[in-house]
Amino acid sequence: MTTGLFILIAVFGALYAIFLVWYGGKGKPMSPEEVEDRLADMLARAGKGAEVSPILDNFRELARNDDGREYHMVNLMRFRDKALYPPGSPSDDDAMAANARYNRVIVPALLKHGGFPVYLGAVQGRFIHPDAADDWDQIGIVRYRSRRDMLKMAADLAGSGADIHKWAALEKTHVFPVKPLVNLVFVRVSVAVVLGLMAALMYVLF
């Protein structure tokens, strides 16, 4: 093995190892005590003191089924005709612009904690639609490394004001976690193949 090939294998092997650590997805479940500690941290960072926030119950319910592993969050979204900001806000009333402001905050936070948007689609009419069912504008699916990472991210964002843009944009939303049963998106293998091809190309060219 030549020195150049050895260096390429070492460098790209290290890059793949870093990716695997970041991607994770196979951790340990949170204990009830850890969950409450993280919720308390979230509340403290939000600056609400002893006030009980309803969103904490949502996070507590999310953590109740924690198995320490990766999962996906399905987001059903219906946008307002005009963004609804609190009085005195400098932002305009463009709902999609408000949503874009929220995404500019949430996407870096997701990546920091091993998550990323998997799918975003616009609803195109109805098919099987019960009378009482809601109508939605968009459907988004987000991959999370674990419920622990979800709570860490929420604590990071608490008090940032990012949620103002989200609720200004959305008229209604339905969000729920799902566990992969059949998943044909082989992220770990795909990244390994891409890095391998890049290493081979660099070896041939240089």
N, C-alpha and C. Protein backbone atom coordinates (compact mmCIF):
# COMPACT_ATOMS: atom_id res chain seq x y z
N MET A 1 0.85 -1.19 0.00
CA MET A 1 0.00 0.00 0.00
C MET A 1 0.89 1.25 0.00
N THR A 2 0.61 2.16 -0.92
CA THR A 2 1.40 3.39 -1.00
C THR A 2 1.04 4.33 0.15
N THR A 3 1.95 5.28 0.40
CA THR A 3 1.71 6.26 1.47
C THR A 3 0.47 7.09 1.18
N GLY A 4 0.30 7.50 -0.09
CA GLY A 4 -0.86 8.31 -0.46
C GLY A 4 -2.17 7.59 -0.22
N LEU A 5 -2.23 6.32 -0.60
CA LEU A 5 -3.45 5.54 -0.39
C LEU A 5 -3.73 5.35 1.09
N PHE A 6 -2.68 5.12 1.86
CA PHE A 6 -2.86 4.95 3.30
C PHE A 6 -3.44 6.21 3.93
N ILE A 7 -2.92 7.37 3.51
CA ILE A 7 -3.40 8.64 4.05
C ILE A 7 -4.87 8.86 3.68
N LEU A 8 -5.22 8.56 2.43
CA LEU A 8 -6.61 8.71 1.99
C LEU A 8 -7.55 7.83 2.81
N ILE A 9 -7.16 6.58 3.01
CA ILE A 9 -8.00 5.66 3.78
C ILE A 9 -8.14 6.17 5.22
N ALA A 10 -7.04 6.65 5.79
CA ALA A 10 -7.07 7.14 7.17
C ALA A 10 -7.97 8.37 7.30
N VAL A 11 -7.83 9.31 6.36
CA VAL A 11 -8.60 10.55 6.42
C VAL A 11 -10.09 10.28 6.24
N PHE A 12 -10.43 9.52 5.19
CA PHE A 12 -11.85 9.28 4.93
C PHE A 12 -12.45 8.30 5.95
N GLY A 13 -11.62 7.42 6.48
CA GLY A 13 -12.09 6.56 7.57
C GLY A 13 -12.42 7.39 8.80
N ALA A 14 -11.58 8.39 9.09
CA ALA A 14 -11.84 9.27 10.23
C ALA A 14 -13.10 10.09 10.01
N LEU A 15 -13.29 10.57 8.77
CA LEU A 15 -14.51 11.33 8.46
C LEU A 15 -15.75 10.48 8.66
N TYR A 16 -15.67 9.22 8.26
CA TYR A 16 -16.83 8.35 8.42
C TYR A 16 -17.09 8.05 9.90
N ALA A 17 -16.02 7.90 10.68
CA ALA A 17 -16.17 7.67 12.11
C ALA A 17 -16.83 8.87 12.77
N ILE A 18 -16.43 10.08 12.38
CA ILE A 18 -17.04 11.30 12.91
C ILE A 18 -18.52 11.35 12.54
N PHE A 19 -18.84 10.99 11.31
CA PHE A 19 -20.23 10.98 10.88
C PHE A 19 -21.05 10.00 11.72
N LEU A 20 -20.51 8.80 11.97
CA LEU A 20 -21.24 7.80 12.75
C LEU A 20 -21.51 8.27 14.17
N VAL A 21 -20.54 8.97 14.76
CA VAL A 21 -20.74 9.50 16.10
C VAL A 21 -21.84 10.55 16.08
N TRP A 22 -21.81 11.45 15.08
CA TRP A 22 -22.84 12.49 14.96
C TRP A 22 -24.20 11.87 14.68
N TYR A 23 -24.27 10.91 13.78
CA TYR A 23 -25.54 10.34 13.37
C TYR A 23 -26.18 9.52 14.48
N GLY A 24 -25.39 8.76 15.21
CA GLY A 24 -25.85 8.03 16.39
C GLY A 24 -27.10 7.20 16.11
N GLY A 25 -28.08 7.32 17.03
CA GLY A 25 -29.35 6.64 16.85
C GLY A 25 -29.50 5.35 17.65
N LYS A 26 -28.51 5.04 18.50
CA LYS A 26 -28.58 3.79 19.27
C LYS A 26 -28.11 4.03 20.71
N GLY A 27 -28.79 4.94 21.39
CA GLY A 27 -28.40 5.27 22.76
C GLY A 27 -29.25 4.56 23.80
N LYS A 28 -29.12 5.01 25.04
CA LYS A 28 -29.87 4.43 26.15
C LYS A 28 -31.10 5.29 26.45
N PRO A 29 -32.19 4.68 26.90
CA PRO A 29 -33.39 5.46 27.25
C PRO A 29 -33.11 6.41 28.42
N MET A 30 -33.85 7.50 28.46
CA MET A 30 -33.76 8.41 29.58
C MET A 30 -34.50 7.86 30.79
N SER A 31 -33.98 8.11 31.96
CA SER A 31 -34.69 7.76 33.18
C SER A 31 -35.73 8.84 33.46
N PRO A 32 -36.76 8.53 34.26
CA PRO A 32 -37.75 9.57 34.62
C PRO A 32 -37.09 10.79 35.26
N GLU A 33 -36.04 10.56 36.05
CA GLU A 33 -35.35 11.67 36.70
C GLU A 33 -34.65 12.56 35.67
N GLU A 34 -34.03 11.94 34.66
CA GLU A 34 -33.36 12.73 33.62
C GLU A 34 -34.38 13.55 32.84
N VAL A 35 -35.52 12.95 32.56
CA VAL A 35 -36.56 13.67 31.83
C VAL A 35 -36.96 14.92 32.59
N GLU A 36 -37.22 14.78 33.89
CA GLU A 36 -37.66 15.93 34.69
C GLU A 36 -36.55 16.97 34.80
N ASP A 37 -35.31 16.53 34.88
CA ASP A 37 -34.18 17.47 34.93
C ASP A 37 -34.11 18.29 33.64
N ARG A 38 -34.31 17.62 32.51
CA ARG A 38 -34.23 18.32 31.22
C ARG A 38 -35.41 19.27 31.04
N LEU A 39 -36.58 18.87 31.52
CA LEU A 39 -37.73 19.76 31.44
C LEU A 39 -37.54 20.98 32.33
N ALA A 40 -36.95 20.78 33.51
CA ALA A 40 -36.68 21.90 34.40
C ALA A 40 -35.67 22.86 33.77
N ASP A 41 -34.66 22.30 33.09
CA ASP A 41 -33.67 23.13 32.39
C ASP A 41 -34.33 23.93 31.28
N MET A 42 -35.24 23.29 30.56
CA MET A 42 -35.96 23.96 29.49
C MET A 42 -36.78 25.13 30.03
N LEU A 43 -37.47 24.89 31.14
CA LEU A 43 -38.31 25.92 31.74
C LEU A 43 -37.47 27.08 32.25
N ALA A 44 -36.32 26.76 32.86
CA ALA A 44 -35.44 27.81 33.39
C ALA A 44 -34.88 28.67 32.26
N ARG A 45 -34.48 28.03 31.17
CA ARG A 45 -33.92 28.79 30.05
C ARG A 45 -34.97 29.66 29.37
N ALA A 46 -36.23 29.21 29.43
CA ALA A 46 -37.31 30.00 28.84
C ALA A 46 -37.62 31.23 29.67
N GLY A 47 -37.11 31.28 30.91
CA GLY A 47 -37.32 32.44 31.74
C GLY A 47 -38.70 32.53 32.33
N LYS A 48 -39.35 31.40 32.55
CA LYS A 48 -40.72 31.41 33.06
C LYS A 48 -40.79 31.11 34.55
N GLY A 49 -39.63 30.96 35.21
CA GLY A 49 -39.64 30.70 36.64
C GLY A 49 -40.42 29.45 36.97
N ALA A 50 -41.36 29.58 37.90
CA ALA A 50 -42.14 28.43 38.36
C ALA A 50 -43.41 28.23 37.56
N GLU A 51 -43.62 29.05 36.54
CA GLU A 51 -44.84 28.91 35.74
C GLU A 51 -44.85 27.57 35.02
N VAL A 52 -46.00 26.92 35.01
CA VAL A 52 -46.13 25.62 34.35
C VAL A 52 -46.54 25.85 32.90
N SER A 53 -45.74 25.39 31.99
CA SER A 53 -46.04 25.57 30.57
C SER A 53 -46.68 24.30 30.01
N PRO A 54 -47.79 24.41 29.26
CA PRO A 54 -48.44 23.20 28.71
C PRO A 54 -47.52 22.40 27.80
N ILE A 55 -46.55 23.07 27.15
CA ILE A 55 -45.68 22.35 26.22
C ILE A 55 -44.84 21.31 26.96
N LEU A 56 -44.59 21.52 28.25
CA LEU A 56 -43.81 20.54 29.02
C LEU A 56 -44.52 19.20 29.07
N ASP A 57 -45.84 19.22 29.13
CA ASP A 57 -46.59 17.97 29.14
C ASP A 57 -46.42 17.23 27.82
N ASN A 58 -46.31 17.98 26.72
CA ASN A 58 -46.08 17.35 25.42
C ASN A 58 -44.72 16.66 25.38
N PHE A 59 -43.69 17.34 25.89
CA PHE A 59 -42.36 16.74 25.92
C PHE A 59 -42.32 15.54 26.88
N ARG A 60 -43.03 15.65 27.99
CA ARG A 60 -43.08 14.53 28.94
C ARG A 60 -43.73 13.30 28.31
N GLU A 61 -44.77 13.53 27.54
CA GLU A 61 -45.44 12.43 26.84
C GLU A 61 -44.52 11.83 25.78
N LEU A 62 -43.78 12.70 25.06
CA LEU A 62 -42.84 12.22 24.05
C LEU A 62 -41.78 11.32 24.69
N ALA A 63 -41.28 11.74 25.88
CA ALA A 63 -40.21 10.99 26.54
C ALA A 63 -40.71 9.69 27.17
N ARG A 64 -42.02 9.60 27.37
CA ARG A 64 -42.57 8.43 28.06
C ARG A 64 -42.28 7.14 27.31
N ASN A 65 -42.22 7.18 25.99
CA ASN A 65 -41.96 5.98 25.17
C ASN A 65 -40.51 5.91 24.70
N ASP A 66 -39.61 6.58 25.40
CA ASP A 66 -38.22 6.63 24.97
C ASP A 66 -37.56 5.26 25.02
N ASP A 67 -36.94 4.87 23.90
CA ASP A 67 -36.13 3.65 23.88
C ASP A 67 -34.67 3.96 23.58
N GLY A 68 -34.32 5.24 23.53
CA GLY A 68 -32.95 5.65 23.30
C GLY A 68 -32.53 5.66 21.84
N ARG A 69 -33.43 5.27 20.95
CA ARG A 69 -33.06 5.11 19.55
C ARG A 69 -33.64 6.23 18.69
N GLU A 70 -33.20 6.27 17.44
CA GLU A 70 -33.67 7.29 16.51
C GLU A 70 -35.17 7.12 16.22
N TYR A 71 -35.79 8.18 15.81
CA TYR A 71 -37.20 8.14 15.43
C TYR A 71 -37.46 9.30 14.48
N HIS A 72 -38.66 9.33 13.93
CA HIS A 72 -39.04 10.42 13.02
C HIS A 72 -40.25 11.15 13.59
N MET A 73 -40.31 12.43 13.33
CA MET A 73 -41.44 13.24 13.74
C MET A 73 -42.18 13.69 12.49
N VAL A 74 -43.46 13.36 12.43
CA VAL A 74 -44.31 13.77 11.30
C VAL A 74 -44.98 15.08 11.66
N ASN A 75 -44.89 16.07 10.76
CA ASN A 75 -45.47 17.38 10.98
C ASN A 75 -46.51 17.67 9.90
N LEU A 76 -47.76 17.83 10.30
CA LEU A 76 -48.83 18.24 9.40
C LEU A 76 -49.07 19.73 9.64
N MET A 77 -49.03 20.53 8.58
CA MET A 77 -49.03 21.98 8.76
C MET A 77 -50.08 22.66 7.89
N ARG A 78 -50.80 23.59 8.51
CA ARG A 78 -51.70 24.47 7.77
C ARG A 78 -51.30 25.90 8.09
N PHE A 79 -51.03 26.67 7.05
CA PHE A 79 -50.52 28.03 7.24
C PHE A 79 -51.64 29.07 7.22
N ARG A 80 -51.39 30.15 7.93
CA ARG A 80 -52.32 31.27 7.93
C ARG A 80 -52.29 31.99 6.58
N ASP A 81 -53.36 32.69 6.28
CA ASP A 81 -53.36 33.54 5.09
C ASP A 81 -52.36 34.69 5.28
N LYS A 82 -52.30 35.21 6.52
CA LYS A 82 -51.34 36.25 6.87
C LYS A 82 -50.71 35.88 8.21
N ALA A 83 -49.42 36.12 8.33
CA ALA A 83 -48.73 35.81 9.58
C ALA A 83 -49.32 36.63 10.72
N LEU A 84 -49.46 36.00 11.88
CA LEU A 84 -50.05 36.66 13.04
C LEU A 84 -48.99 36.83 14.12
N TYR A 85 -48.31 37.98 14.08
CA TYR A 85 -47.30 38.30 15.07
C TYR A 85 -47.91 39.11 16.22
N PRO A 86 -47.27 39.08 17.40
CA PRO A 86 -47.74 39.93 18.50
C PRO A 86 -47.68 41.40 18.12
N PRO A 87 -48.53 42.22 18.69
CA PRO A 87 -48.51 43.67 18.39
C PRO A 87 -47.11 44.26 18.63
N GLY A 88 -46.70 45.11 17.71
CA GLY A 88 -45.40 45.75 17.84
C GLY A 88 -44.26 44.99 17.21
N SER A 89 -44.54 43.81 16.66
CA SER A 89 -43.47 43.03 16.01
C SER A 89 -43.01 43.73 14.74
N PRO A 90 -41.69 43.75 14.48
CA PRO A 90 -41.18 44.38 13.26
C PRO A 90 -41.35 43.51 12.01
N SER A 91 -41.75 42.26 12.18
CA SER A 91 -41.87 41.35 11.04
C SER A 91 -43.15 41.62 10.25
N ASP A 92 -43.10 41.31 8.95
CA ASP A 92 -44.27 41.53 8.10
C ASP A 92 -45.28 40.40 8.28
N ASP A 93 -46.37 40.45 7.52
CA ASP A 93 -47.45 39.48 7.69
C ASP A 93 -47.43 38.36 6.65
N ASP A 94 -46.28 38.14 6.03
CA ASP A 94 -46.13 37.05 5.07
C ASP A 94 -45.91 35.74 5.85
N ALA A 95 -46.89 34.83 5.80
CA ALA A 95 -46.82 33.60 6.58
C ALA A 95 -45.64 32.72 6.17
N MET A 96 -45.36 32.63 4.88
CA MET A 96 -44.26 31.78 4.44
C MET A 96 -42.91 32.39 4.80
N ALA A 97 -42.84 33.72 4.82
CA ALA A 97 -41.61 34.37 5.26
C ALA A 97 -41.39 34.11 6.75
N ALA A 98 -42.48 34.11 7.53
CA ALA A 98 -42.38 33.79 8.95
C ALA A 98 -41.89 32.36 9.14
N ASN A 99 -42.41 31.44 8.34
CA ASN A 99 -41.97 30.05 8.42
C ASN A 99 -40.50 29.91 8.05
N ALA A 100 -40.06 30.69 7.06
CA ALA A 100 -38.65 30.65 6.65
C ALA A 100 -37.76 31.17 7.78
N ARG A 101 -38.22 32.18 8.51
CA ARG A 101 -37.44 32.69 9.65
C ARG A 101 -37.28 31.60 10.71
N TYR A 102 -38.35 30.87 10.95
CA TYR A 102 -38.29 29.78 11.93
C TYR A 102 -37.33 28.69 11.46
N ASN A 103 -37.40 28.34 10.19
CA ASN A 103 -36.52 27.28 9.66
C ASN A 103 -35.05 27.67 9.74
N ARG A 104 -34.74 28.96 9.58
CA ARG A 104 -33.35 29.39 9.66
C ARG A 104 -32.77 29.18 11.06
N VAL A 105 -33.64 29.09 12.05
CA VAL A 105 -33.19 28.81 13.41
C VAL A 105 -33.20 27.31 13.70
N ILE A 106 -34.26 26.64 13.27
CA ILE A 106 -34.46 25.25 13.67
C ILE A 106 -33.52 24.28 12.94
N VAL A 107 -33.20 24.53 11.69
CA VAL A 107 -32.37 23.58 10.94
C VAL A 107 -30.96 23.47 11.53
N PRO A 108 -30.25 24.58 11.82
CA PRO A 108 -28.94 24.43 12.47
C PRO A 108 -29.03 23.72 13.83
N ALA A 109 -30.11 23.98 14.57
CA ALA A 109 -30.28 23.31 15.86
C ALA A 109 -30.48 21.82 15.67
N LEU A 110 -31.23 21.44 14.64
CA LEU A 110 -31.41 20.02 14.33
C LEU A 110 -30.08 19.35 14.02
N LEU A 111 -29.30 19.96 13.12
CA LEU A 111 -28.02 19.38 12.70
C LEU A 111 -27.07 19.23 13.88
N LYS A 112 -27.10 20.19 14.79
CA LYS A 112 -26.24 20.13 15.97
C LYS A 112 -26.53 18.88 16.80
N HIS A 113 -27.79 18.44 16.81
CA HIS A 113 -28.20 17.31 17.64
C HIS A 113 -28.49 16.06 16.82
N GLY A 114 -27.89 15.93 15.65
CA GLY A 114 -28.01 14.70 14.88
C GLY A 114 -29.33 14.52 14.17
N GLY A 115 -30.08 15.58 13.98
CA GLY A 115 -31.34 15.49 13.26
C GLY A 115 -31.29 16.24 11.95
N PHE A 116 -32.24 15.98 11.10
CA PHE A 116 -32.31 16.70 9.83
C PHE A 116 -33.67 16.43 9.17
N PRO A 117 -34.13 17.37 8.34
CA PRO A 117 -35.37 17.14 7.60
C PRO A 117 -35.19 16.02 6.58
N VAL A 118 -36.09 15.05 6.61
CA VAL A 118 -36.04 13.94 5.67
C VAL A 118 -36.91 14.20 4.45
N TYR A 119 -38.06 14.84 4.69
CA TYR A 119 -39.02 15.02 3.60
C TYR A 119 -39.88 16.25 3.86
N LEU A 120 -40.16 17.00 2.79
CA LEU A 120 -41.11 18.11 2.86
C LEU A 120 -41.93 18.07 1.58
N GLY A 121 -43.25 18.05 1.73
CA GLY A 121 -44.12 17.97 0.56
C GLY A 121 -45.33 18.87 0.70
N ALA A 122 -45.84 19.33 -0.44
CA ALA A 122 -47.05 20.14 -0.47
C ALA A 122 -48.25 19.25 -0.77
N VAL A 123 -49.31 19.41 0.01
CA VAL A 123 -50.52 18.62 -0.20
C VAL A 123 -51.19 19.05 -1.50
N GLN A 124 -51.62 18.07 -2.29
CA GLN A 124 -52.24 18.35 -3.59
C GLN A 124 -53.65 17.75 -3.63
N GLY A 125 -54.55 18.36 -2.90
CA GLY A 125 -55.94 17.92 -2.95
C GLY A 125 -56.24 16.80 -1.97
N ARG A 126 -57.40 16.17 -2.17
CA ARG A 126 -57.89 15.13 -1.28
C ARG A 126 -57.99 13.78 -1.99
N PHE A 127 -58.05 12.72 -1.19
CA PHE A 127 -58.32 11.40 -1.74
C PHE A 127 -59.34 10.71 -0.82
N ILE A 128 -58.90 10.01 0.21
CA ILE A 128 -59.80 9.49 1.23
C ILE A 128 -59.82 10.51 2.36
N HIS A 129 -60.94 11.16 2.58
CA HIS A 129 -60.98 12.31 3.47
C HIS A 129 -62.26 12.29 4.30
N PRO A 130 -62.22 11.75 5.52
CA PRO A 130 -63.40 11.74 6.38
C PRO A 130 -63.93 13.16 6.62
N ASP A 131 -65.21 13.27 6.90
CA ASP A 131 -65.85 14.58 7.03
C ASP A 131 -65.19 15.45 8.09
N ALA A 132 -64.78 14.86 9.19
CA ALA A 132 -64.23 15.66 10.29
C ALA A 132 -62.71 15.88 10.18
N ALA A 133 -62.11 15.37 9.13
CA ALA A 133 -60.65 15.46 9.01
C ALA A 133 -60.21 16.88 8.65
N ASP A 134 -59.03 17.25 9.12
CA ASP A 134 -58.47 18.57 8.80
C ASP A 134 -57.84 18.57 7.42
N ASP A 135 -57.74 19.75 6.85
CA ASP A 135 -56.98 19.95 5.62
C ASP A 135 -55.61 20.52 5.99
N TRP A 136 -54.58 20.10 5.25
CA TRP A 136 -53.21 20.54 5.52
C TRP A 136 -52.59 21.12 4.26
N ASP A 137 -51.62 22.00 4.45
CA ASP A 137 -50.90 22.59 3.32
C ASP A 137 -49.61 21.85 3.00
N GLN A 138 -48.88 21.47 4.05
CA GLN A 138 -47.60 20.80 3.87
C GLN A 138 -47.46 19.66 4.86
N ILE A 139 -46.62 18.69 4.49
CA ILE A 139 -46.25 17.59 5.38
C ILE A 139 -44.73 17.53 5.45
N GLY A 140 -44.20 17.52 6.65
CA GLY A 140 -42.76 17.43 6.84
C GLY A 140 -42.42 16.24 7.74
N ILE A 141 -41.30 15.58 7.45
CA ILE A 141 -40.82 14.48 8.29
C ILE A 141 -39.38 14.81 8.69
N VAL A 142 -39.13 14.75 9.99
CA VAL A 142 -37.81 15.11 10.52
C VAL A 142 -37.24 13.92 11.28
N ARG A 143 -35.98 13.62 11.01
CA ARG A 143 -35.30 12.54 11.73
C ARG A 143 -34.63 13.10 12.96
N TYR A 144 -34.84 12.44 14.11
CA TYR A 144 -34.17 12.80 15.35
C TYR A 144 -33.30 11.64 15.80
N ARG A 145 -32.14 11.98 16.34
CA ARG A 145 -31.21 10.95 16.81
C ARG A 145 -31.78 10.20 18.01
N SER A 146 -32.52 10.91 18.84
CA SER A 146 -33.16 10.31 20.02
C SER A 146 -34.10 11.33 20.63
N ARG A 147 -34.95 10.87 21.54
CA ARG A 147 -35.80 11.80 22.28
C ARG A 147 -34.96 12.67 23.22
N ARG A 148 -33.85 12.14 23.71
CA ARG A 148 -32.94 12.93 24.52
C ARG A 148 -32.44 14.14 23.73
N ASP A 149 -32.07 13.90 22.48
CA ASP A 149 -31.59 15.00 21.64
C ASP A 149 -32.69 16.00 21.35
N MET A 150 -33.91 15.52 21.21
CA MET A 150 -35.04 16.42 21.00
C MET A 150 -35.20 17.36 22.19
N LEU A 151 -35.11 16.82 23.41
CA LEU A 151 -35.24 17.66 24.60
C LEU A 151 -34.05 18.60 24.76
N LYS A 152 -32.84 18.13 24.41
CA LYS A 152 -31.67 19.01 24.44
C LYS A 152 -31.85 20.18 23.48
N MET A 153 -32.33 19.89 22.27
CA MET A 153 -32.54 20.93 21.28
C MET A 153 -33.59 21.93 21.74
N ALA A 154 -34.67 21.42 22.33
CA ALA A 154 -35.73 22.30 22.83
C ALA A 154 -35.19 23.21 23.93
N ALA A 155 -34.31 22.68 24.78
CA ALA A 155 -33.70 23.51 25.83
C ALA A 155 -32.81 24.58 25.23
N ASP A 156 -32.05 24.22 24.18
CA ASP A 156 -31.20 25.20 23.51
C ASP A 156 -32.02 26.35 22.93
N LEU A 157 -33.21 26.02 22.42
CA LEU A 157 -34.04 27.02 21.75
C LEU A 157 -34.94 27.78 22.71
N ALA A 158 -35.11 27.26 23.93
CA ALA A 158 -36.00 27.91 24.90
C ALA A 158 -35.54 29.34 25.16
N GLY A 159 -36.46 30.28 25.04
CA GLY A 159 -36.14 31.67 25.27
C GLY A 159 -35.51 32.38 24.09
N SER A 160 -35.30 31.67 22.97
CA SER A 160 -34.68 32.28 21.79
C SER A 160 -35.65 33.14 20.99
N GLY A 161 -36.95 32.89 21.17
CA GLY A 161 -37.95 33.62 20.41
C GLY A 161 -38.27 33.01 19.06
N ALA A 162 -37.64 31.87 18.73
CA ALA A 162 -37.88 31.25 17.43
C ALA A 162 -39.32 30.79 17.27
N ASP A 163 -39.93 30.37 18.38
CA ASP A 163 -41.30 29.86 18.30
C ASP A 163 -42.30 30.94 17.91
N ILE A 164 -41.95 32.21 18.10
CA ILE A 164 -42.83 33.30 17.68
C ILE A 164 -43.09 33.23 16.18
N HIS A 165 -42.04 32.95 15.41
CA HIS A 165 -42.17 32.85 13.95
C HIS A 165 -43.01 31.63 13.56
N LYS A 166 -42.81 30.53 14.27
CA LYS A 166 -43.56 29.31 13.97
C LYS A 166 -45.06 29.53 14.13
N TRP A 167 -45.45 30.06 15.30
CA TRP A 167 -46.88 30.23 15.57
C TRP A 167 -47.48 31.41 14.82
N ALA A 168 -46.64 32.34 14.39
CA ALA A 168 -47.13 33.40 13.52
C ALA A 168 -47.51 32.84 12.15
N ALA A 169 -46.76 31.85 11.70
CA ALA A 169 -46.97 31.27 10.37
C ALA A 169 -48.10 30.24 10.35
N LEU A 170 -48.22 29.46 11.43
CA LEU A 170 -49.12 28.31 11.42
C LEU A 170 -50.50 28.63 12.00
N GLU A 171 -51.52 28.25 11.26
CA GLU A 171 -52.88 28.31 11.78
C GLU A 171 -53.16 27.08 12.63
N LYS A 172 -52.63 25.93 12.18
CA LYS A 172 -52.84 24.68 12.91
C LYS A 172 -51.75 23.70 12.53
N THR A 173 -51.40 22.83 13.47
CA THR A 173 -50.41 21.79 13.17
C THR A 173 -50.70 20.55 14.00
N HIS A 174 -50.30 19.41 13.47
CA HIS A 174 -50.42 18.13 14.17
C HIS A 174 -49.06 17.46 14.05
N VAL A 175 -48.45 17.16 15.20
CA VAL A 175 -47.09 16.61 15.22
C VAL A 175 -47.08 15.35 16.06
N PHE A 176 -46.49 14.27 15.52
CA PHE A 176 -46.44 13.03 16.28
C PHE A 176 -45.22 12.20 15.87
N PRO A 177 -44.66 11.42 16.83
CA PRO A 177 -43.48 10.61 16.55
C PRO A 177 -43.86 9.27 15.93
N VAL A 178 -42.98 8.76 15.09
CA VAL A 178 -43.18 7.43 14.50
C VAL A 178 -41.87 6.65 14.59
N LYS A 179 -42.01 5.35 14.76
CA LYS A 179 -40.86 4.45 14.82
C LYS A 179 -40.73 3.73 13.49
N PRO A 180 -39.55 3.77 12.86
CA PRO A 180 -39.38 3.09 11.57
C PRO A 180 -39.63 1.58 11.69
N LEU A 181 -40.48 1.06 10.83
CA LEU A 181 -40.70 -0.38 10.74
C LEU A 181 -40.00 -0.94 9.50
N VAL A 182 -40.20 -0.26 8.39
CA VAL A 182 -39.49 -0.56 7.14
C VAL A 182 -38.89 0.74 6.65
N ASN A 183 -37.59 0.79 6.49
CA ASN A 183 -36.91 2.02 6.08
C ASN A 183 -35.89 1.70 4.99
N LEU A 184 -36.16 2.16 3.78
CA LEU A 184 -35.27 1.88 2.66
C LEU A 184 -34.29 3.01 2.39
N VAL A 185 -34.22 3.98 3.32
CA VAL A 185 -33.25 5.06 3.21
C VAL A 185 -32.03 4.68 4.05
N PHE A 186 -31.01 4.15 3.37
CA PHE A 186 -29.83 3.62 4.07
C PHE A 186 -28.78 4.73 4.19
N VAL A 187 -28.95 5.58 5.19
CA VAL A 187 -28.09 6.76 5.32
C VAL A 187 -26.65 6.37 5.60
N ARG A 188 -26.43 5.47 6.55
CA ARG A 188 -25.06 5.10 6.90
C ARG A 188 -24.33 4.49 5.71
N VAL A 189 -25.01 3.60 4.99
CA VAL A 189 -24.40 2.97 3.82
C VAL A 189 -24.16 4.00 2.73
N SER A 190 -25.11 4.88 2.51
CA SER A 190 -24.99 5.90 1.47
C SER A 190 -23.79 6.81 1.72
N VAL A 191 -23.63 7.25 2.97
CA VAL A 191 -22.50 8.11 3.30
C VAL A 191 -21.19 7.36 3.11
N ALA A 192 -21.15 6.09 3.50
CA ALA A 192 -19.94 5.29 3.31
C ALA A 192 -19.57 5.17 1.83
N VAL A 193 -20.59 4.96 0.99
CA VAL A 193 -20.35 4.83 -0.45
C VAL A 193 -19.84 6.14 -1.03
N VAL A 194 -20.46 7.26 -0.64
CA VAL A 194 -20.05 8.57 -1.15
C VAL A 194 -18.61 8.88 -0.74
N LEU A 195 -18.28 8.65 0.52
CA LEU A 195 -16.91 8.91 0.97
C LEU A 195 -15.91 7.99 0.28
N GLY A 196 -16.31 6.74 0.06
CA GLY A 196 -15.43 5.81 -0.65
C GLY A 196 -15.17 6.25 -2.08
N LEU A 197 -16.21 6.71 -2.76
CA LEU A 197 -16.06 7.19 -4.13
C LEU A 197 -15.19 8.45 -4.18
N MET A 198 -15.38 9.34 -3.21
CA MET A 198 -14.55 10.55 -3.16
C MET A 198 -13.08 10.19 -2.96
N ALA A 199 -12.80 9.22 -2.07
CA ALA A 199 -11.43 8.80 -1.82
C ALA A 199 -10.82 8.17 -3.06
N ALA A 200 -11.61 7.33 -3.75
CA ALA A 200 -11.10 6.70 -4.97
C ALA A 200 -10.81 7.73 -6.05
N LEU A 201 -11.70 8.73 -6.19
CA LEU A 201 -11.51 9.77 -7.19
C LEU A 201 -10.27 10.59 -6.90
N MET A 202 -10.06 10.93 -5.64
CA MET A 202 -8.86 11.70 -5.29
C MET A 202 -7.60 10.89 -5.53
N TYR A 203 -7.66 9.59 -5.27
CA TYR A 203 -6.47 8.75 -5.50
C TYR A 203 -6.12 8.67 -6.97
N VAL A 204 -7.15 8.58 -7.81
CA VAL A 204 -6.92 8.51 -9.27
C VAL A 204 -6.40 9.83 -9.80
N LEU A 205 -6.97 10.93 -9.33
CA LEU A 205 -6.61 12.25 -9.88
C LEU A 205 -5.28 12.78 -9.36
N PHE A 206 -4.98 12.42 -8.12
CA PHE A 206 -3.77 13.02 -7.51
C PHE A 206 -2.70 12.00 -7.17
